[in-house]
Each structure stands twice: as structure tokens, then as C-alpha cells.
Amino acid sequence: MTKRFDEGMRLLRRKGEDRENGFCLLQRHAVELLDELIEAFRGEEAENMRVLLLTLIGEARSPRALPILAEHLDHEDESLAYWAVRGLEMLDTKEARTVLYRHRANNAHT
């Protein structure tokens, strides 16, 4: 992992202004840190951190984020599901729009 990622994660785990600073640091470099963000998300147990990490993954606006975002569309944690949808909307590729369309069509009948 990179020094920048480590510093961002250290701050993100704190409270208040430190957390905001960590989020902003990781957000500015989300594309280049995407693999580390996904790995951290998969290994994280704290729900509040998982929400922040999925938000950052969506902020990367990278097609590489599509599988993990799609995987969490129906998550029982509404915050994760929300940020999965939002991440796909921000990605705004044909594939992301197709995933969202299918998700919405499948949930229209429930």
C-alpha cells in the first residue's frame, strides 16, 4: 500500500476534522488508489468504514469499480445500497446504466 493511502486510512479511522481530511485525501486520489480501496473495503468489518470506503470507490468513477458497486445494490445495509447506486450513477457508462436499469426493473415488482 502507498504512503498516501496509509495516511488517508489512518485519518479516516479518526473522528471529526481528521476523518474529513482523510476522506478528502483519499477522494482526491481515488482513481489511483482504487485497488487499495477495494481491498480495504473487502477486509473492513466496521459498517461506518465500509460505507465511507464504498463511497470513495464510487468517487473513483472507474469502470474497475463496477463489479463491487453492482454487488452491493441489494445490500441489507441501506447506506451501502445507496452508495452503490450513487457510484454507478456517477460512473455513467453504458454498463453501469444497464446494471442500474436491470436492478430497478427487478425491484419494481417487489
N, C-alpha and C. Protein backbone atom coordinates (compact mmCIF):
# COMPACT_ATOMS: atom_id res chain seq x y z
N MET A 1 0.84 -1.19 0.00
CA MET A 1 0.00 0.00 0.00
C MET A 1 0.88 1.25 0.00
N THR A 2 0.35 2.28 -0.54
CA THR A 2 1.13 3.51 -0.66
C THR A 2 1.07 4.33 0.63
N LYS A 3 2.05 5.18 0.77
CA LYS A 3 2.10 6.07 1.93
C LYS A 3 0.86 6.95 1.99
N ARG A 4 0.43 7.46 0.84
CA ARG A 4 -0.76 8.32 0.76
C ARG A 4 -2.00 7.56 1.23
N PHE A 5 -2.13 6.33 0.78
CA PHE A 5 -3.28 5.51 1.18
C PHE A 5 -3.24 5.25 2.68
N ASP A 6 -2.10 4.87 3.18
CA ASP A 6 -1.96 4.60 4.62
C ASP A 6 -2.33 5.82 5.46
N GLU A 7 -1.86 6.99 5.04
CA GLU A 7 -2.16 8.22 5.78
C GLU A 7 -3.66 8.54 5.71
N GLY A 8 -4.24 8.40 4.52
CA GLY A 8 -5.68 8.65 4.37
C GLY A 8 -6.51 7.71 5.24
N MET A 9 -6.14 6.45 5.27
CA MET A 9 -6.88 5.47 6.08
C MET A 9 -6.70 5.75 7.58
N ARG A 10 -5.50 6.15 7.98
CA ARG A 10 -5.26 6.47 9.39
C ARG A 10 -6.19 7.61 9.83
N LEU A 11 -6.27 8.64 9.00
CA LEU A 11 -7.13 9.78 9.31
C LEU A 11 -8.62 9.39 9.24
N LEU A 12 -8.97 8.59 8.27
CA LEU A 12 -10.37 8.18 8.08
C LEU A 12 -10.90 7.43 9.30
N ARG A 13 -10.04 6.74 9.99
CA ARG A 13 -10.44 5.97 11.18
C ARG A 13 -10.62 6.84 12.42
N ARG A 14 -10.25 8.11 12.31
CA ARG A 14 -10.39 9.02 13.45
C ARG A 14 -11.75 9.71 13.36
N LYS A 15 -11.96 10.68 14.19
CA LYS A 15 -13.25 11.39 14.21
C LYS A 15 -13.06 12.84 13.79
N GLY A 16 -14.17 13.47 13.48
CA GLY A 16 -14.19 14.90 13.22
C GLY A 16 -13.38 15.33 12.01
N GLU A 17 -12.61 16.40 12.22
CA GLU A 17 -11.86 17.01 11.12
C GLU A 17 -10.83 16.05 10.54
N ASP A 18 -10.23 15.22 11.37
CA ASP A 18 -9.26 14.24 10.86
C ASP A 18 -9.93 13.29 9.86
N ARG A 19 -11.13 12.82 10.20
CA ARG A 19 -11.86 11.92 9.30
C ARG A 19 -12.16 12.63 7.98
N GLU A 20 -12.60 13.87 8.07
CA GLU A 20 -12.88 14.65 6.85
C GLU A 20 -11.63 14.81 6.01
N ASN A 21 -10.51 15.11 6.66
CA ASN A 21 -9.25 15.28 5.93
C ASN A 21 -8.82 13.97 5.27
N GLY A 22 -8.99 12.86 5.98
CA GLY A 22 -8.66 11.56 5.41
C GLY A 22 -9.54 11.25 4.21
N PHE A 23 -10.84 11.54 4.32
CA PHE A 23 -11.76 11.29 3.22
C PHE A 23 -11.36 12.13 2.01
N CYS A 24 -11.06 13.41 2.24
CA CYS A 24 -10.68 14.30 1.13
C CYS A 24 -9.39 13.85 0.47
N LEU A 25 -8.43 13.41 1.27
CA LEU A 25 -7.16 12.93 0.72
C LEU A 25 -7.40 11.71 -0.16
N LEU A 26 -8.16 10.77 0.33
CA LEU A 26 -8.44 9.56 -0.45
C LEU A 26 -9.32 9.87 -1.66
N GLN A 27 -10.25 10.79 -1.50
CA GLN A 27 -11.13 11.17 -2.61
C GLN A 27 -10.35 11.78 -3.77
N ARG A 28 -9.39 12.65 -3.43
CA ARG A 28 -8.58 13.29 -4.48
C ARG A 28 -7.77 12.27 -5.28
N HIS A 29 -7.46 11.14 -4.67
CA HIS A 29 -6.61 10.14 -5.32
C HIS A 29 -7.33 8.81 -5.50
N ALA A 30 -8.66 8.85 -5.50
CA ALA A 30 -9.46 7.62 -5.54
C ALA A 30 -9.15 6.76 -6.76
N VAL A 31 -8.94 7.36 -7.90
CA VAL A 31 -8.67 6.57 -9.11
C VAL A 31 -7.38 5.78 -8.97
N GLU A 32 -6.32 6.46 -8.55
CA GLU A 32 -5.03 5.77 -8.44
C GLU A 32 -4.98 4.81 -7.25
N LEU A 33 -5.85 5.00 -6.26
CA LEU A 33 -5.87 4.15 -5.07
C LEU A 33 -7.02 3.13 -5.10
N LEU A 34 -7.68 2.99 -6.24
CA LEU A 34 -8.89 2.17 -6.31
C LEU A 34 -8.66 0.74 -5.85
N ASP A 35 -7.59 0.11 -6.29
CA ASP A 35 -7.35 -1.28 -5.88
C ASP A 35 -7.20 -1.39 -4.37
N GLU A 36 -6.49 -0.44 -3.76
CA GLU A 36 -6.31 -0.44 -2.31
C GLU A 36 -7.63 -0.19 -1.59
N LEU A 37 -8.46 0.72 -2.15
CA LEU A 37 -9.77 1.00 -1.55
C LEU A 37 -10.66 -0.24 -1.58
N ILE A 38 -10.65 -0.95 -2.70
CA ILE A 38 -11.47 -2.16 -2.82
C ILE A 38 -10.98 -3.22 -1.85
N GLU A 39 -9.67 -3.39 -1.78
CA GLU A 39 -9.10 -4.37 -0.85
C GLU A 39 -9.45 -4.01 0.61
N ALA A 40 -9.35 -2.74 0.94
CA ALA A 40 -9.68 -2.29 2.30
C ALA A 40 -11.17 -2.52 2.58
N PHE A 41 -12.02 -2.23 1.60
CA PHE A 41 -13.46 -2.43 1.76
C PHE A 41 -13.76 -3.90 2.04
N ARG A 42 -13.17 -4.77 1.26
CA ARG A 42 -13.43 -6.21 1.42
C ARG A 42 -12.97 -6.73 2.79
N GLY A 43 -11.93 -6.12 3.35
CA GLY A 43 -11.41 -6.57 4.63
C GLY A 43 -11.97 -5.85 5.84
N GLU A 44 -12.76 -4.81 5.60
CA GLU A 44 -13.27 -3.98 6.70
C GLU A 44 -14.51 -4.61 7.33
N GLU A 45 -14.58 -4.55 8.64
CA GLU A 45 -15.74 -5.08 9.36
C GLU A 45 -16.65 -3.97 9.89
N ALA A 46 -16.10 -2.81 10.18
CA ALA A 46 -16.90 -1.71 10.73
C ALA A 46 -17.79 -1.12 9.63
N GLU A 47 -19.10 -1.14 9.87
CA GLU A 47 -20.05 -0.69 8.84
C GLU A 47 -19.84 0.77 8.44
N ASN A 48 -19.53 1.64 9.42
CA ASN A 48 -19.33 3.05 9.05
C ASN A 48 -18.13 3.21 8.12
N MET A 49 -17.08 2.43 8.33
CA MET A 49 -15.92 2.49 7.44
C MET A 49 -16.25 1.89 6.08
N ARG A 50 -17.04 0.83 6.06
CA ARG A 50 -17.43 0.22 4.78
C ARG A 50 -18.22 1.22 3.93
N VAL A 51 -19.08 1.99 4.56
CA VAL A 51 -19.85 3.00 3.83
C VAL A 51 -18.92 4.06 3.25
N LEU A 52 -17.98 4.54 4.06
CA LEU A 52 -17.04 5.55 3.57
C LEU A 52 -16.19 5.00 2.43
N LEU A 53 -15.73 3.77 2.56
CA LEU A 53 -14.89 3.17 1.52
C LEU A 53 -15.68 2.94 0.23
N LEU A 54 -16.93 2.48 0.34
CA LEU A 54 -17.72 2.29 -0.88
C LEU A 54 -18.02 3.63 -1.54
N THR A 55 -18.23 4.65 -0.74
CA THR A 55 -18.42 5.99 -1.28
C THR A 55 -17.19 6.40 -2.08
N LEU A 56 -16.01 6.19 -1.53
CA LEU A 56 -14.76 6.54 -2.21
C LEU A 56 -14.56 5.70 -3.48
N ILE A 57 -14.93 4.44 -3.42
CA ILE A 57 -14.83 3.58 -4.60
C ILE A 57 -15.69 4.15 -5.73
N GLY A 58 -16.90 4.58 -5.39
CA GLY A 58 -17.78 5.21 -6.39
C GLY A 58 -17.22 6.52 -6.90
N GLU A 59 -16.58 7.28 -6.01
CA GLU A 59 -15.99 8.57 -6.38
C GLU A 59 -14.87 8.41 -7.41
N ALA A 60 -14.28 7.23 -7.48
CA ALA A 60 -13.21 7.00 -8.46
C ALA A 60 -13.74 7.09 -9.89
N ARG A 61 -15.03 6.82 -10.05
CA ARG A 61 -15.66 6.87 -11.38
C ARG A 61 -14.88 6.03 -12.40
N SER A 62 -14.48 4.85 -11.96
CA SER A 62 -13.70 3.95 -12.80
C SER A 62 -14.51 2.71 -13.15
N PRO A 63 -14.43 2.27 -14.40
CA PRO A 63 -15.12 1.02 -14.76
C PRO A 63 -14.67 -0.17 -13.92
N ARG A 64 -13.48 -0.11 -13.35
CA ARG A 64 -13.00 -1.18 -12.48
C ARG A 64 -13.83 -1.29 -11.20
N ALA A 65 -14.56 -0.24 -10.86
CA ALA A 65 -15.39 -0.24 -9.65
C ALA A 65 -16.76 -0.88 -9.89
N LEU A 66 -17.13 -1.07 -11.14
CA LEU A 66 -18.46 -1.57 -11.46
C LEU A 66 -18.82 -2.88 -10.75
N PRO A 67 -17.96 -3.90 -10.74
CA PRO A 67 -18.37 -5.16 -10.09
C PRO A 67 -18.69 -5.01 -8.60
N ILE A 68 -17.89 -4.29 -7.86
CA ILE A 68 -18.14 -4.17 -6.42
C ILE A 68 -19.36 -3.29 -6.14
N LEU A 69 -19.57 -2.29 -6.98
CA LEU A 69 -20.77 -1.46 -6.82
C LEU A 69 -22.02 -2.28 -7.12
N ALA A 70 -21.99 -3.02 -8.22
CA ALA A 70 -23.15 -3.85 -8.60
C ALA A 70 -23.44 -4.90 -7.53
N GLU A 71 -22.40 -5.43 -6.94
CA GLU A 71 -22.53 -6.47 -5.91
C GLU A 71 -23.29 -5.97 -4.67
N HIS A 72 -23.27 -4.66 -4.44
CA HIS A 72 -23.87 -4.12 -3.21
C HIS A 72 -25.19 -3.38 -3.44
N LEU A 73 -25.76 -3.50 -4.62
CA LEU A 73 -27.03 -2.82 -4.92
C LEU A 73 -28.16 -3.28 -4.01
N ASP A 74 -28.17 -4.53 -3.65
CA ASP A 74 -29.25 -5.07 -2.82
C ASP A 74 -28.80 -5.37 -1.40
N HIS A 75 -27.77 -4.69 -0.96
CA HIS A 75 -27.24 -4.96 0.37
C HIS A 75 -28.26 -4.60 1.44
N GLU A 76 -28.28 -5.39 2.51
CA GLU A 76 -29.24 -5.14 3.60
C GLU A 76 -28.97 -3.82 4.30
N ASP A 77 -27.73 -3.35 4.29
CA ASP A 77 -27.41 -2.03 4.84
C ASP A 77 -27.80 -0.99 3.79
N GLU A 78 -28.82 -0.21 4.09
CA GLU A 78 -29.34 0.76 3.11
C GLU A 78 -28.30 1.78 2.70
N SER A 79 -27.37 2.12 3.59
CA SER A 79 -26.33 3.08 3.25
C SER A 79 -25.40 2.52 2.18
N LEU A 80 -25.04 1.25 2.30
CA LEU A 80 -24.20 0.63 1.28
C LEU A 80 -24.95 0.54 -0.05
N ALA A 81 -26.20 0.15 0.00
CA ALA A 81 -27.00 0.07 -1.22
C ALA A 81 -27.12 1.44 -1.88
N TYR A 82 -27.34 2.48 -1.08
CA TYR A 82 -27.45 3.84 -1.60
C TYR A 82 -26.16 4.25 -2.33
N TRP A 83 -25.00 4.03 -1.68
CA TRP A 83 -23.74 4.45 -2.29
C TRP A 83 -23.34 3.58 -3.47
N ALA A 84 -23.84 2.34 -3.51
CA ALA A 84 -23.63 1.51 -4.70
C ALA A 84 -24.39 2.11 -5.88
N VAL A 85 -25.65 2.49 -5.65
CA VAL A 85 -26.44 3.13 -6.71
C VAL A 85 -25.79 4.44 -7.13
N ARG A 86 -25.44 5.24 -6.16
CA ARG A 86 -24.83 6.55 -6.45
C ARG A 86 -23.52 6.40 -7.23
N GLY A 87 -22.71 5.42 -6.84
CA GLY A 87 -21.45 5.17 -7.55
C GLY A 87 -21.68 4.78 -9.00
N LEU A 88 -22.68 3.95 -9.24
CA LEU A 88 -22.99 3.56 -10.62
C LEU A 88 -23.53 4.75 -11.42
N GLU A 89 -24.33 5.59 -10.77
CA GLU A 89 -24.83 6.80 -11.45
C GLU A 89 -23.67 7.72 -11.82
N MET A 90 -22.71 7.88 -10.91
CA MET A 90 -21.56 8.74 -11.20
C MET A 90 -20.66 8.13 -12.28
N LEU A 91 -20.58 6.82 -12.30
CA LEU A 91 -19.77 6.15 -13.33
C LEU A 91 -20.33 6.46 -14.71
N ASP A 92 -21.64 6.38 -14.84
CA ASP A 92 -22.35 6.81 -16.05
C ASP A 92 -21.78 6.22 -17.34
N THR A 93 -21.52 4.91 -17.32
CA THR A 93 -21.15 4.20 -18.54
C THR A 93 -22.35 3.39 -19.00
N LYS A 94 -22.29 2.89 -20.21
CA LYS A 94 -23.38 2.06 -20.71
C LYS A 94 -23.58 0.85 -19.79
N GLU A 95 -22.48 0.23 -19.37
CA GLU A 95 -22.57 -0.94 -18.50
C GLU A 95 -23.20 -0.58 -17.16
N ALA A 96 -22.81 0.54 -16.58
CA ALA A 96 -23.36 0.97 -15.29
C ALA A 96 -24.85 1.27 -15.43
N ARG A 97 -25.23 1.94 -16.51
CA ARG A 97 -26.65 2.25 -16.73
C ARG A 97 -27.46 0.96 -16.90
N THR A 98 -26.88 -0.03 -17.59
CA THR A 98 -27.57 -1.31 -17.78
C THR A 98 -27.78 -2.02 -16.44
N VAL A 99 -26.76 -2.03 -15.60
CA VAL A 99 -26.87 -2.65 -14.28
C VAL A 99 -27.96 -1.95 -13.47
N LEU A 100 -27.97 -0.63 -13.48
CA LEU A 100 -28.98 0.13 -12.74
C LEU A 100 -30.38 -0.13 -13.30
N TYR A 101 -30.51 -0.15 -14.61
CA TYR A 101 -31.81 -0.40 -15.24
C TYR A 101 -32.36 -1.76 -14.81
N ARG A 102 -31.50 -2.79 -14.89
CA ARG A 102 -31.94 -4.14 -14.50
C ARG A 102 -32.29 -4.20 -13.02
N HIS A 103 -31.49 -3.54 -12.20
CA HIS A 103 -31.76 -3.52 -10.76
C HIS A 103 -33.11 -2.87 -10.48
N ARG A 104 -33.35 -1.74 -11.10
CA ARG A 104 -34.61 -1.03 -10.88
C ARG A 104 -35.80 -1.81 -11.43
N ALA A 105 -35.62 -2.46 -12.58
CA ALA A 105 -36.71 -3.26 -13.16
C ALA A 105 -37.03 -4.45 -12.26
N ASN A 106 -36.02 -5.10 -11.71
CA ASN A 106 -36.24 -6.25 -10.83
C ASN A 106 -36.89 -5.83 -9.52
N ASN A 107 -36.60 -4.64 -9.03
CA ASN A 107 -37.15 -4.19 -7.76
C ASN A 107 -38.48 -3.47 -7.91
N ALA A 108 -38.91 -3.20 -9.12
CA ALA A 108 -40.19 -2.54 -9.33
C ALA A 108 -41.35 -3.50 -9.01
N HIS A 109 -41.08 -4.77 -9.03
CA HIS A 109 -42.12 -5.77 -8.80
C HIS A 109 -42.16 -6.29 -7.37
N THR A 110 -41.31 -5.74 -6.50
CA THR A 110 -41.28 -6.22 -5.11
C THR A 110 -41.93 -5.25 -4.17
